[in-house]
Amino acid sequence: MNSASERRPRIQDKEQLPFTMACVLEILRLYPPALLGLPHRAQSTERLGGVVVPKGAMVLYNVMKANRDPSLWDDPCTFKPERFLDGVKGALRTKDLPPVLSFGVGPRSCVGEKLVPTVLFYVLVRLMQRTSWSLPESCCEDPARCDGTTLLLAPAERRVLLTKRSA
């Protein structure tokens, strides 16, 4: 943030910090807060992946699986914020990319779809302004590991070393 590194971030800073915003989008893509989307009712009988889905059937989708679909995303399980950046200008881009389904789809998608990325941007910038982060030397676990028995992605206990930055 250059000269503004001590002030609180503002919404206008998102344009000056496209990589930070790209990190937020990539975090939401890889680690959605809910593993399953809300149920939808099939409006007509359809064939989906060789399975007949009758009209009126309740349909759920796996958000994490959709956000990591190799037919949609290159190297889908790797944290690559640059996928959300314009390769020439370095500006944030979301057009011409598959949708990140972390907030659902359709007219009843989560109202937090616009708010949450902005809040995460604000929190991440503030934390990065005030602290340095590192992992303990013994850390080597997969942060996405879960036992598959939950609807919410809640990682096992993790340790991170935070050091307050000096003024």
Foldseek 3Di string as FASTA:
>chain_A
DVPCLPPQDDPVCCFVCVLLLLLLLLCCLQAQFFQKADWDFACAWDQDPNDIDHGGDIDMDGLNCVSQPCVQDPVRNDRDSCVQADPPPRGGHDPPHDDNQSQHDDPPGHPCPVVVSSVSSRVVSVLVSFKDKDAPPPDDDDQQDDDPPDRGRDGDDGDMDIDTDDD
